PDB file of N, CA and C in Angstrom:
ATOM      1  N   UNK A   1       0.832  -1.191   0.000  1.00  0.00           N
ATOM      2  CA  UNK A   1       0.000   0.000   0.000  1.00  0.00           C
ATOM      3  C   UNK A   1       0.874   1.252   0.000  1.00  0.00           C
ATOM      4  N   UNK A   2       1.892   1.221   0.824  1.00  0.00           N
ATOM      5  CA  UNK A   2       2.796   2.353   0.909  1.00  0.00           C
ATOM      6  C   UNK A   2       3.546   2.547  -0.396  1.00  0.00           C
ATOM      7  N   UNK A   3       3.837   1.448  -1.071  1.00  0.00           N
ATOM      8  CA  UNK A   3       4.536   1.533  -2.362  1.00  0.00           C
ATOM      9  C   UNK A   3       3.648   2.221  -3.410  1.00  0.00           C
ATOM     10  N   UNK A   4       2.388   1.911  -3.387  1.00  0.00           N
ATOM     11  CA  UNK A   4       1.458   2.530  -4.340  1.00  0.00           C
ATOM     12  C   UNK A   4       1.369   4.040  -4.126  1.00  0.00           C
ATOM     13  N   UNK A   5       1.345   4.452  -2.855  1.00  0.00           N
ATOM     14  CA  UNK A   5       1.302   5.880  -2.556  1.00  0.00           C
ATOM     15  C   UNK A   5       2.579   6.577  -3.014  1.00  0.00           C
ATOM     16  N   UNK A   6       3.730   5.900  -2.850  1.00  0.00           N
ATOM     17  CA  UNK A   6       4.993   6.486  -3.287  1.00  0.00           C
ATOM     18  C   UNK A   6       5.026   6.629  -4.807  1.00  0.00           C
ATOM     19  N   UNK A   7       4.501   5.611  -5.528  1.00  0.00           N
ATOM     20  CA  UNK A   7       4.459   5.690  -6.990  1.00  0.00           C
ATOM     21  C   UNK A   7       3.519   6.812  -7.438  1.00  0.00           C
ATOM     22  N   UNK A   8       2.412   6.924  -6.756  1.00  0.00           N
ATOM     23  CA  UNK A   8       1.444   7.973  -7.089  1.00  0.00           C
ATOM     24  C   UNK A   8       2.037   9.359  -6.820  1.00  0.00           C
ATOM     25  N   UNK A   9       2.732   9.511  -5.712  1.00  0.00           N
ATOM     26  CA  UNK A   9       3.371  10.785  -5.393  1.00  0.00           C
ATOM     27  C   UNK A   9       4.444  11.118  -6.424  1.00  0.00           C
ATOM     28  N   UNK A  10       5.173  10.111  -6.869  1.00  0.00           N
ATOM     29  CA  UNK A  10       6.221  10.319  -7.871  1.00  0.00           C
ATOM     30  C   UNK A  10       5.608  10.795  -9.194  1.00  0.00           C
ATOM     31  N   UNK A  11       4.459  10.235  -9.537  1.00  0.00           N
ATOM     32  CA  UNK A  11       3.774  10.624 -10.781  1.00  0.00           C
ATOM     33  C   UNK A  11       3.335  12.089 -10.696  1.00  0.00           C
ATOM     34  N   UNK A  12       2.776  12.495  -9.547  1.00  0.00           N
ATOM     35  CA  UNK A  12       2.295  13.869  -9.399  1.00  0.00           C
ATOM     36  C   UNK A  12       3.433  14.884  -9.267  1.00  0.00           C
ATOM     37  N   UNK A  13       4.625  14.427  -8.970  1.00  0.00           N
ATOM     38  CA  UNK A  13       5.771  15.337  -8.925  1.00  0.00           C
ATOM     39  C   UNK A  13       6.225  15.728 -10.331  1.00  0.00           C
ATOM     40  N   UNK A  14       5.840  14.952 -11.309  1.00  0.00           N
ATOM     41  CA  UNK A  14       6.179  15.278 -12.691  1.00  0.00           C
ATOM     42  C   UNK A  14       5.486  16.592 -13.052  1.00  0.00           C
ATOM     43  N   UNK A  15       6.239  17.552 -13.571  1.00  0.00           N
ATOM     44  CA  UNK A  15       5.682  18.876 -13.825  1.00  0.00           C
ATOM     45  C   UNK A  15       4.600  18.864 -14.904  1.00  0.00           C
ATOM     46  N   UNK A  16       4.675  17.958 -15.849  1.00  0.00           N
ATOM     47  CA  UNK A  16       3.667  17.889 -16.911  1.00  0.00           C
ATOM     48  C   UNK A  16       2.348  17.340 -16.371  1.00  0.00           C
ATOM     49  N   UNK A  17       2.434  16.333 -15.544  1.00  0.00           N
ATOM     50  CA  UNK A  17       1.224  15.765 -14.942  1.00  0.00           C
ATOM     51  C   UNK A  17       0.587  16.793 -14.008  1.00  0.00           C
ATOM     52  N   UNK A  18       1.404  17.469 -13.213  1.00  0.00           N
ATOM     53  CA  UNK A  18       0.885  18.473 -12.287  1.00  0.00           C
ATOM     54  C   UNK A  18       0.245  19.629 -13.050  1.00  0.00           C
ATOM     55  N   UNK A  19       0.871  20.078 -14.124  1.00  0.00           N
ATOM     56  CA  UNK A  19       0.320  21.169 -14.917  1.00  0.00           C
ATOM     57  C   UNK A  19      -0.990  20.754 -15.581  1.00  0.00           C
ATOM     58  N   UNK A  20      -1.027  19.536 -16.098  1.00  0.00           N
ATOM     59  CA  UNK A  20      -2.254  19.036 -16.728  1.00  0.00           C
ATOM     60  C   UNK A  20      -3.375  18.928 -15.708  1.00  0.00           C
ATOM     61  N   UNK A  21      -3.068  18.397 -14.546  1.00  0.00           N
ATOM     62  CA  UNK A  21      -4.068  18.268 -13.489  1.00  0.00           C
ATOM     63  C   UNK A  21      -4.570  19.638 -13.042  1.00  0.00           C
ATOM     64  N   UNK A  22      -3.665  20.586 -12.869  1.00  0.00           N
ATOM     65  CA  UNK A  22      -4.049  21.931 -12.498  1.00  0.00           C
ATOM     66  C   UNK A  22      -4.927  22.570 -13.574  1.00  0.00           C
ATOM     67  N   UNK A  23      -4.598  22.357 -14.845  1.00  0.00           N
ATOM     68  CA  UNK A  23      -5.390  22.884 -15.956  1.00  0.00           C
ATOM     69  C   UNK A  23      -6.803  22.304 -15.947  1.00  0.00           C
ATOM     70  N   UNK A  24      -6.904  21.007 -15.747  1.00  0.00           N
ATOM     71  CA  UNK A  24      -8.215  20.344 -15.741  1.00  0.00           C
ATOM     72  C   UNK A  24      -9.066  20.856 -14.582  1.00  0.00           C
ATOM     73  N   UNK A  25      -8.452  21.003 -13.407  1.00  0.00           N
ATOM     74  CA  UNK A  25      -9.192  21.507 -12.252  1.00  0.00           C
ATOM     75  C   UNK A  25      -9.636  22.948 -12.506  1.00  0.00           C
ATOM     76  N   UNK A  26      -8.762  23.751 -13.082  1.00  0.00           N
ATOM     77  CA  UNK A  26      -9.102  25.148 -13.376  1.00  0.00           C
ATOM     78  C   UNK A  26     -10.275  25.235 -14.356  1.00  0.00           C
ATOM     79  N   UNK A  27     -10.208  24.453 -15.420  1.00  0.00           N
ATOM     80  CA  UNK A  27     -11.270  24.468 -16.434  1.00  0.00           C
ATOM     81  C   UNK A  27     -12.584  23.950 -15.848  1.00  0.00           C
ATOM     82  N   UNK A  28     -12.501  22.937 -15.022  1.00  0.00           N
ATOM     83  CA  UNK A  28     -13.722  22.318 -14.491  1.00  0.00           C
ATOM     84  C   UNK A  28     -14.428  23.204 -13.475  1.00  0.00           C
ATOM     85  N   UNK A  29     -13.687  23.961 -12.671  1.00  0.00           N
ATOM     86  CA  UNK A  29     -14.328  24.647 -11.554  1.00  0.00           C
ATOM     87  C   UNK A  29     -14.166  26.167 -11.533  1.00  0.00           C
ATOM     88  N   UNK A  30     -13.054  26.719 -11.973  1.00  0.00           N
ATOM     89  CA  UNK A  30     -12.766  28.114 -11.727  1.00  0.00           C
ATOM     90  C   UNK A  30     -12.877  29.025 -12.946  1.00  0.00           C
ATOM     91  N   UNK A  31     -12.818  28.515 -14.116  1.00  0.00           N
ATOM     92  CA  UNK A  31     -12.849  29.339 -15.320  1.00  0.00           C
ATOM     93  C   UNK A  31     -14.230  29.976 -15.483  1.00  0.00           C
ATOM     94  N   UNK A  32     -14.292  31.074 -16.213  1.00  0.00           N
ATOM     95  CA  UNK A  32     -15.561  31.769 -16.431  1.00  0.00           C
ATOM     96  C   UNK A  32     -16.566  30.861 -17.141  1.00  0.00           C
ATOM     97  N   UNK A  33     -16.106  30.044 -18.032  1.00  0.00           N
ATOM     98  CA  UNK A  33     -16.978  29.085 -18.726  1.00  0.00           C
ATOM     99  C   UNK A  33     -16.638  27.679 -18.278  1.00  0.00           C
ATOM    100  N   UNK A  34     -16.728  27.446 -16.987  1.00  0.00           N
ATOM    101  CA  UNK A  34     -16.367  26.152 -16.422  1.00  0.00           C
ATOM    102  C   UNK A  34     -17.360  25.079 -16.854  1.00  0.00           C
ATOM    103  N   UNK A  35     -16.993  23.852 -16.616  1.00  0.00           N
ATOM    104  CA  UNK A  35     -17.864  22.735 -16.985  1.00  0.00           C
ATOM    105  C   UNK A  35     -19.154  22.758 -16.172  1.00  0.00           C
ATOM    106  N   UNK A  36     -19.058  23.142 -14.921  1.00  0.00           N
ATOM    107  CA  UNK A  36     -20.250  23.206 -14.076  1.00  0.00           C
ATOM    108  C   UNK A  36     -21.209  24.276 -14.606  1.00  0.00           C
ATOM    109  N   UNK A  37     -20.671  25.426 -14.969  1.00  0.00           N
ATOM    110  CA  UNK A  37     -21.492  26.496 -15.535  1.00  0.00           C
ATOM    111  C   UNK A  37     -22.106  26.053 -16.864  1.00  0.00           C
ATOM    112  N   UNK A  38     -21.351  25.334 -17.655  1.00  0.00           N
ATOM    113  CA  UNK A  38     -21.831  24.837 -18.938  1.00  0.00           C
ATOM    114  C   UNK A  38     -22.982  23.849 -18.739  1.00  0.00           C
ATOM    115  N   UNK A  39     -22.868  22.978 -17.761  1.00  0.00           N
ATOM    116  CA  UNK A  39     -23.944  22.024 -17.462  1.00  0.00           C
ATOM    117  C   UNK A  39     -25.194  22.777 -17.011  1.00  0.00           C
ATOM    118  N   UNK A  40     -25.000  23.794 -16.183  1.00  0.00           N
ATOM    119  CA  UNK A  40     -26.127  24.614 -15.721  1.00  0.00           C
ATOM    120  C   UNK A  40     -26.821  25.292 -16.904  1.00  0.00           C
ATOM    121  N   UNK A  41     -26.045  25.853 -17.815  1.00  0.00           N
ATOM    122  CA  UNK A  41     -26.632  26.510 -18.984  1.00  0.00           C
ATOM    123  C   UNK A  41     -27.370  25.524 -19.881  1.00  0.00           C
ATOM    124  N   UNK A  42     -26.839  24.326 -20.025  1.00  0.00           N
ATOM    125  CA  UNK A  42     -27.501  23.311 -20.840  1.00  0.00           C
ATOM    126  C   UNK A  42     -28.859  22.942 -20.245  1.00  0.00           C
ATOM    127  N   UNK A  43     -28.919  22.786 -18.933  1.00  0.00           N
ATOM    128  CA  UNK A  43     -30.196  22.485 -18.278  1.00  0.00           C
ATOM    129  C   UNK A  43     -31.180  23.641 -18.441  1.00  0.00           C
ATOM    130  N   UNK A  44     -30.688  24.848 -18.306  1.00  0.00           N
ATOM    131  CA  UNK A  44     -31.558  26.015 -18.461  1.00  0.00           C
ATOM    132  C   UNK A  44     -32.074  26.124 -19.897  1.00  0.00           C
ATOM    133  N   UNK A  45     -31.220  25.787 -20.854  1.00  0.00           N
ATOM    134  CA  UNK A  45     -31.635  25.816 -22.257  1.00  0.00           C
ATOM    135  C   UNK A  45     -32.753  24.811 -22.511  1.00  0.00           C
ATOM    136  N   UNK A  46     -32.635  23.608 -21.963  1.00  0.00           N
ATOM    137  CA  UNK A  46     -33.686  22.596 -22.130  1.00  0.00           C
ATOM    138  C   UNK A  46     -34.992  23.076 -21.515  1.00  0.00           C
ATOM    139  N   UNK A  47     -34.899  23.688 -20.338  1.00  0.00           N
ATOM    140  CA  UNK A  47     -36.090  24.197 -19.675  1.00  0.00           C
ATOM    141  C   UNK A  47     -36.747  25.298 -20.508  1.00  0.00           C
ATOM    142  N   UNK A  48     -35.948  26.177 -21.066  1.00  0.00           N
ATOM    143  CA  UNK A  48     -36.499  27.277 -21.856  1.00  0.00           C
ATOM    144  C   UNK A  48     -37.098  26.775 -23.164  1.00  0.00           C
ATOM    145  N   UNK A  49     -36.525  25.741 -23.759  1.00  0.00           N
ATOM    146  CA  UNK A  49     -37.111  25.162 -24.971  1.00  0.00           C
ATOM    147  C   UNK A  49     -38.472  24.552 -24.664  1.00  0.00           C
ATOM    148  N   UNK A  50     -38.578  23.890 -23.509  1.00  0.00           N
ATOM    149  CA  UNK A  50     -39.866  23.314 -23.111  1.00  0.00           C
ATOM    150  C   UNK A  50     -40.890  24.423 -22.886  1.00  0.00           C
ATOM    151  N   UNK A  51     -40.474  25.519 -22.261  1.00  0.00           N
ATOM    152  CA  UNK A  51     -41.375  26.649 -22.064  1.00  0.00           C
ATOM    153  C   UNK A  51     -41.791  27.254 -23.397  1.00  0.00           C
ATOM    154  N   UNK A  52     -40.875  27.322 -24.336  1.00  0.00           N
ATOM    155  CA  UNK A  52     -41.193  27.883 -25.649  1.00  0.00           C
ATOM    156  C   UNK A  52     -42.270  27.045 -26.333  1.00  0.00           C
ATOM    157  N   UNK A  53     -42.131  25.733 -26.275  1.00  0.00           N
ATOM    158  CA  UNK A  53     -43.131  24.843 -26.876  1.00  0.00           C
ATOM    159  C   UNK A  53     -44.483  25.044 -26.194  1.00  0.00           C
ATOM    160  N   UNK A  54     -44.477  25.138 -24.861  1.00  0.00           N
ATOM    161  CA  UNK A  54     -45.717  25.343 -24.111  1.00  0.00           C
ATOM    162  C   UNK A  54     -46.398  26.645 -24.540  1.00  0.00           C
ATOM    163  N   UNK A  55     -45.633  27.727 -24.593  1.00  0.00           N
ATOM    164  CA  UNK A  55     -46.227  29.022 -24.936  1.00  0.00           C
ATOM    165  C   UNK A  55     -46.654  29.084 -26.397  1.00  0.00           C
ATOM    166  N   UNK A  56     -45.966  28.373 -27.281  1.00  0.00           N
ATOM    167  CA  UNK A  56     -46.416  28.317 -28.673  1.00  0.00           C
ATOM    168  C   UNK A  56     -47.760  27.614 -28.770  1.00  0.00           C
ATOM    169  N   UNK A  57     -47.933  26.534 -28.003  1.00  0.00           N
ATOM    170  CA  UNK A  57     -49.222  25.839 -27.987  1.00  0.00           C
ATOM    171  C   UNK A  57     -50.316  26.734 -27.418  1.00  0.00           C
ATOM    172  N   UNK A  58     -49.995  27.462 -26.341  1.00  0.00           N
ATOM    173  CA  UNK A  58     -50.975  28.365 -25.744  1.00  0.00           C
ATOM    174  C   UNK A  58     -51.362  29.478 -26.716  1.00  0.00           C
ATOM    175  N   UNK A  59     -50.400  30.002 -27.446  1.00  0.00           N
ATOM    176  CA  UNK A  59     -50.670  31.053 -28.420  1.00  0.00           C
ATOM    177  C   UNK A  59     -51.549  30.526 -29.547  1.00  0.00           C
ATOM    178  N   UNK A  60     -51.261  29.331 -30.012  1.00  0.00           N
ATOM    179  CA  UNK A  60     -52.072  28.731 -31.072  1.00  0.00           C
ATOM    180  C   UNK A  60     -53.508  28.521 -30.605  1.00  0.00           C
ATOM    181  N   UNK A  61     -53.674  28.012 -29.389  1.00  0.00           N
ATOM    182  CA  UNK A  61     -55.022  27.792 -28.855  1.00  0.00           C
ATOM    183  C   UNK A  61     -55.759  29.113 -28.689  1.00  0.00           C
ATOM    184  N   UNK A  62     -55.069  30.139 -28.209  1.00  0.00           N
ATOM    185  CA  UNK A  62     -55.714  31.445 -28.028  1.00  0.00           C
ATOM    186  C   UNK A  62     -56.096  32.061 -29.367  1.00  0.00           C
ATOM    187  N   UNK A  63     -55.258  31.865 -30.379  1.00  0.00           N
ATOM    188  CA  UNK A  63     -55.561  32.387 -31.715  1.00  0.00           C
ATOM    189  C   UNK A  63     -56.797  31.706 -32.289  1.00  0.00           C
ATOM    190  N   UNK A  64     -56.875  30.398 -32.118  1.00  0.00           N
ATOM    191  CA  UNK A  64     -58.054  29.664 -32.608  1.00  0.00           C
ATOM    192  C   UNK A  64     -59.311  30.110 -31.861  1.00  0.00           C
ATOM    193  N   UNK A  65     -59.181  30.297 -30.548  1.00  0.00           N
ATOM    194  CA  UNK A  65     -60.324  30.737 -29.761  1.00  0.00           C
ATOM    195  C   UNK A  65     -60.759  32.140 -30.182  1.00  0.00           C
ATOM    196  N   UNK A  66     -59.824  33.009 -30.464  1.00  0.00           N
ATOM    197  CA  UNK A  66     -60.152  34.357 -30.920  1.00  0.00           C
ATOM    198  C   UNK A  66     -60.897  34.319 -32.248  1.00  0.00           C
ATOM    199  N   UNK A  67     -60.459  33.472 -33.164  1.00  0.00           N
ATOM    200  CA  UNK A  67     -61.155  33.342 -34.451  1.00  0.00           C
ATOM    201  C   UNK A  67     -62.583  32.875 -34.241  1.00  0.00           C
ATOM    202  N   UNK A  68     -62.773  31.907 -33.332  1.00  0.00           N
ATOM    203  CA  UNK A  68     -64.121  31.414 -33.053  1.00  0.00           C
ATOM    204  C   UNK A  68     -64.987  32.525 -32.460  1.00  0.00           C
ATOM    205  N   UNK A  69     -64.420  33.290 -31.543  1.00  0.00           N
ATOM    206  CA  UNK A  69     -65.199  34.348 -30.895  1.00  0.00           C
ATOM    207  C   UNK A  69     -65.562  35.462 -31.861  1.00  0.00           C
ATOM    208  N   UNK A  70     -64.703  35.741 -32.823  1.00  0.00           N
ATOM    209  CA  UNK A  70     -64.968  36.803 -33.775  1.00  0.00           C
ATOM    210  C   UNK A  70     -65.963  36.387 -34.846  1.00  0.00           C
ATOM    211  N   UNK A  71     -66.107  35.092 -35.096  1.00  0.00           N
ATOM    212  CA  UNK A  71     -66.981  34.642 -36.180  1.00  0.00           C
ATOM    213  C   UNK A  71     -68.344  34.166 -35.711  1.00  0.00           C
ATOM    214  N   UNK A  72     -68.494  33.794 -34.457  1.00  0.00           N
ATOM    215  CA  UNK A  72     -69.750  33.206 -34.010  1.00  0.00           C
ATOM    216  C   UNK A  72     -70.220  33.894 -32.722  1.00  0.00           C
ATOM    217  N   UNK A  73     -71.326  34.633 -32.766  1.00  0.00           N
ATOM    218  CA  UNK A  73     -71.826  35.320 -31.566  1.00  0.00           C
ATOM    219  C   UNK A  73     -72.238  34.357 -30.450  1.00  0.00           C
ATOM    220  N   UNK A  74     -72.685  33.167 -30.799  1.00  0.00           N
ATOM    221  CA  UNK A  74     -73.062  32.191 -29.770  1.00  0.00           C
ATOM    222  C   UNK A  74     -71.835  31.759 -28.966  1.00  0.00           C
ATOM    223  N   UNK A  75     -70.721  31.596 -29.662  1.00  0.00           N
ATOM    224  CA  UNK A  75     -69.488  31.242 -28.959  1.00  0.00           C
ATOM    225  C   UNK A  75     -69.023  32.383 -28.056  1.00  0.00           C
ATOM    226  N   UNK A  76     -69.233  33.608 -28.497  1.00  0.00           N
ATOM    227  CA  UNK A  76     -68.855  34.765 -27.693  1.00  0.00           C
ATOM    228  C   UNK A  76     -69.665  34.801 -26.400  1.00  0.00           C
ATOM    229  N   UNK A  77     -70.967  34.543 -26.511  1.00  0.00           N
ATOM    230  CA  UNK A  77     -71.820  34.515 -25.312  1.00  0.00           C
ATOM    231  C   UNK A  77     -71.399  33.383 -24.385  1.00  0.00           C
ATOM    232  N   UNK A  78     -71.133  32.217 -24.942  1.00  0.00           N
ATOM    233  CA  UNK A  78     -70.698  31.065 -24.136  1.00  0.00           C
ATOM    234  C   UNK A  78     -69.391  31.388 -23.411  1.00  0.00           C
ATOM    235  N   UNK A  79     -68.453  32.005 -24.118  1.00  0.00           N
ATOM    236  CA  UNK A  79     -67.172  32.362 -23.518  1.00  0.00           C
ATOM    237  C   UNK A  79     -67.370  33.354 -22.367  1.00  0.00           C
ATOM    238  N   UNK A  80     -68.201  34.363 -22.579  1.00  0.00           N
ATOM    239  CA  UNK A  80     -68.443  35.368 -21.543  1.00  0.00           C
ATOM    240  C   UNK A  80     -69.087  34.740 -20.314  1.00  0.00           C
ATOM    241  N   UNK A  81     -69.997  33.813 -20.537  1.00  0.00           N
ATOM    242  CA  UNK A  81     -70.663  33.150 -19.413  1.00  0.00           C
ATOM    243  C   UNK A  81     -69.699  32.248 -18.642  1.00  0.00           C
ATOM    244  N   UNK A  82     -68.874  31.485 -19.354  1.00  0.00           N
ATOM    245  CA  UNK A  82     -67.993  30.526 -18.689  1.00  0.00           C
ATOM    246  C   UNK A  82     -66.777  31.180 -18.042  1.00  0.00           C
ATOM    247  N   UNK A  83     -66.188  32.139 -18.714  1.00  0.00           N
ATOM    248  CA  UNK A  83     -64.948  32.730 -18.208  1.00  0.00           C
ATOM    249  C   UNK A  83     -65.183  33.886 -17.238  1.00  0.00           C
ATOM    250  N   UNK A  84     -66.201  34.680 -17.477  1.00  0.00           N
ATOM    251  CA  UNK A  84     -66.416  35.881 -16.676  1.00  0.00           C
ATOM    252  C   UNK A  84     -67.712  35.841 -15.875  1.00  0.00           C
ATOM    253  N   UNK A  85     -68.408  34.706 -15.895  1.00  0.00           N
ATOM    254  CA  UNK A  85     -69.622  34.474 -15.126  1.00  0.00           C
ATOM    255  C   UNK A  85     -70.663  35.554 -15.383  1.00  0.00           C
ATOM    256  N   UNK A  86     -70.772  35.994 -16.616  1.00  0.00           N
ATOM    257  CA  UNK A  86     -71.783  36.979 -16.977  1.00  0.00           C
ATOM    258  C   UNK A  86     -73.132  36.283 -17.078  1.00  0.00           C
ATOM    259  N   UNK A  87     -74.185  37.037 -16.814  1.00  0.00           N
ATOM    260  CA  UNK A  87     -75.518  36.443 -16.819  1.00  0.00           C
ATOM    261  C   UNK A  87     -76.519  37.433 -17.401  1.00  0.00           C
ATOM    262  N   UNK A  88     -77.642  36.900 -17.768  1.00  0.00           N
ATOM    263  CA  UNK A  88     -78.734  37.737 -18.246  1.00  0.00           C
ATOM    264  C   UNK A  88     -79.493  38.282 -17.041  1.00  0.00           C
ATOM    265  N   UNK A  89     -80.352  39.244 -17.292  1.00  0.00           N
ATOM    266  CA  UNK A  89     -81.065  39.916 -16.192  1.00  0.00           C
ATOM    267  C   UNK A  89     -81.975  38.958 -15.420  1.00  0.00           C
ATOM    268  N   UNK A  90     -82.518  37.943 -16.064  1.00  0.00           N
ATOM    269  CA  UNK A  90     -83.478  37.060 -15.414  1.00  0.00           C
ATOM    270  C   UNK A  90     -82.842  35.736 -14.960  1.00  0.00           C
ATOM    271  N   UNK A  91     -81.546  35.736 -14.688  1.00  0.00           N
ATOM    272  CA  UNK A  91     -80.867  34.506 -14.296  1.00  0.00           C
ATOM    273  C   UNK A  91     -80.126  34.688 -12.973  1.00  0.00           C
ATOM    274  N   UNK A  92     -79.946  33.568 -12.305  1.00  0.00           N
ATOM    275  CA  UNK A  92     -79.039  33.486 -11.170  1.00  0.00           C
ATOM    276  C   UNK A  92     -77.947  32.481 -11.548  1.00  0.00           C
ATOM    277  N   UNK A  93     -76.731  32.800 -11.218  1.00  0.00           N
ATOM    278  CA  UNK A  93     -75.621  31.912 -11.548  1.00  0.00           C
ATOM    279  C   UNK A  93     -75.004  31.424 -10.243  1.00  0.00           C
ATOM    280  N   UNK A  94     -74.895  30.118 -10.096  1.00  0.00           N
ATOM    281  CA  UNK A  94     -74.267  29.511  -8.926  1.00  0.00           C
ATOM    282  C   UNK A  94     -72.933  28.910  -9.365  1.00  0.00           C
ATOM    283  N   UNK A  95     -71.891  29.255  -8.644  1.00  0.00           N
ATOM    284  CA  UNK A  95     -70.560  28.759  -8.956  1.00  0.00           C
ATOM    285  C   UNK A  95     -70.144  27.815  -7.835  1.00  0.00           C
ATOM    286  N   UNK A  96     -69.780  26.591  -8.207  1.00  0.00           N
ATOM    287  CA  UNK A  96     -69.359  25.600  -7.232  1.00  0.00           C
ATOM    288  C   UNK A  96     -67.842  25.461  -7.270  1.00  0.00           C
ATOM    289  N   UNK A  97     -67.239  25.532  -6.079  1.00  0.00           N
ATOM    290  CA  UNK A  97     -65.791  25.370  -5.964  1.00  0.00           C
ATOM    291  C   UNK A  97     -65.498  24.258  -4.962  1.00  0.00           C
ATOM    292  N   UNK A  98     -64.326  23.647  -5.098  1.00  0.00           N
ATOM    293  CA  UNK A  98     -63.928  22.614  -4.144  1.00  0.00           C
ATOM    294  C   UNK A  98     -63.221  23.254  -2.954  1.00  0.00           C
ATOM    295  N   UNK A  99     -62.592  22.436  -2.101  1.00  0.00           N
ATOM    296  CA  UNK A  99     -61.947  22.941  -0.888  1.00  0.00           C
ATOM    297  C   UNK A  99     -60.801  23.893  -1.202  1.00  0.00           C
ATOM    298  N   UNK A 100     -60.191  23.754  -2.376  1.00  0.00           N
ATOM    299  CA  UNK A 100     -59.037  24.561  -2.751  1.00  0.00           C
ATOM    300  C   UNK A 100     -59.437  25.744  -3.639  1.00  0.00           C
ATOM    301  N   UNK A 101     -60.720  26.060  -3.663  1.00  0.00           N
ATOM    302  CA  UNK A 101     -61.272  27.157  -4.466  1.00  0.00           C
ATOM    303  C   UNK A 101     -61.037  26.978  -5.964  1.00  0.00           C
ATOM    304  N   UNK A 102     -61.047  25.743  -6.426  1.00  0.00           N
ATOM    305  CA  UNK A 102     -60.979  25.465  -7.860  1.00  0.00           C
ATOM    306  C   UNK A 102     -62.405  25.322  -8.375  1.00  0.00           C
ATOM    307  N   UNK A 103     -62.648  25.920  -9.507  1.00  0.00           N
ATOM    308  CA  UNK A 103     -63.980  25.912 -10.103  1.00  0.00           C
ATOM    309  C   UNK A 103     -64.388  24.492 -10.468  1.00  0.00           C
ATOM    310  N   UNK A 104     -65.559  24.072 -10.021  1.00  0.00           N
ATOM    311  CA  UNK A 104     -66.072  22.747 -10.361  1.00  0.00           C
ATOM    312  C   UNK A 104     -67.045  22.827 -11.526  1.00  0.00           C
ATOM    313  N   UNK A 105     -68.067  23.672 -11.401  1.00  0.00           N
ATOM    314  CA  UNK A 105     -69.088  23.745 -12.443  1.00  0.00           C
ATOM    315  C   UNK A 105     -69.945  24.973 -12.180  1.00  0.00           C
ATOM    316  N   UNK A 106     -70.680  25.380 -13.181  1.00  0.00           N
ATOM    317  CA  UNK A 106     -71.634  26.469 -12.989  1.00  0.00           C
ATOM    318  C   UNK A 106     -73.007  25.967 -13.359  1.00  0.00           C
ATOM    319  N   UNK A 107     -74.013  26.461 -12.651  1.00  0.00           N
ATOM    320  CA  UNK A 107     -75.393  26.085 -12.925  1.00  0.00           C
ATOM    321  C   UNK A 107     -76.183  27.370 -13.094  1.00  0.00           C
ATOM    322  N   UNK A 108     -76.874  27.496 -14.211  1.00  0.00           N
ATOM    323  CA  UNK A 108     -77.701  28.668 -14.477  1.00  0.00           C
ATOM    324  C   UNK A 108     -79.150  28.288 -14.191  1.00  0.00           C
ATOM    325  N   UNK A 109     -79.844  29.143 -13.444  1.00  0.00           N
ATOM    326  CA  UNK A 109     -81.272  28.912 -13.218  1.00  0.00           C
ATOM    327  C   UNK A 109     -82.016  30.136 -13.697  1.00  0.00           C
ATOM    328  N   UNK A 110     -83.049  29.878 -14.443  1.00  0.00           N
ATOM    329  CA  UNK A 110     -83.872  30.951 -14.999  1.00  0.00           C
ATOM    330  C   UNK A 110     -84.890  31.359 -13.939  1.00  0.00           C
ATOM    331  N   UNK A 111     -84.901  32.627 -13.547  1.00  0.00           N
ATOM    332  CA  UNK A 111     -85.827  33.098 -12.514  1.00  0.00           C
ATOM    333  C   UNK A 111     -87.202  33.446 -13.111  1.00  0.00           C
ATOM    334  N   UNK A 112     -87.238  33.594 -14.418  1.00  0.00           N
ATOM    335  CA  UNK A 112     -88.512  33.911 -15.080  1.00  0.00           C
ATOM    336  C   UNK A 112     -89.321  32.617 -15.198  1.00  0.00           C
ATOM    337  N   UNK A 113     -90.564  32.647 -14.778  1.00  0.00           N
ATOM    338  CA  UNK A 113     -91.398  31.438 -14.873  1.00  0.00           C
ATOM    339  C   UNK A 113     -91.868  31.248 -16.282  1.00  0.00           C
ATOM    340  N   UNK A 114     -91.842  30.011 -16.700  1.00  0.00           N
ATOM    341  CA  UNK A 114     -92.217  29.697 -18.088  1.00  0.00           C
ATOM    342  C   UNK A 114     -93.639  29.250 -18.201  1.00  0.00           C
TER     343      UNK A 114
END
């Protein structure tokens, strides 16, 4: 065991091995563009690409919804009722939420007798 440590110490005394080891440690940890920083940037890039895909899908869905709302008045009324809980003068709107205040469903009741 002691012989192995002596051989290892002899190897590290070599100026080329020591310089190479110092260079690798410097590049890996201390340089402005270190390997750790590079790994961090790569992870952030993947996260941002995923966000870009998500927002592109959201934009596409919103664009389609806007086209529907601009072309069909019935869809516009449905959207106003569902998203903004708008109601007609002769209606009552009940909104049901769960324990975490998440919307469950809406029920419209007509107050005008038929």
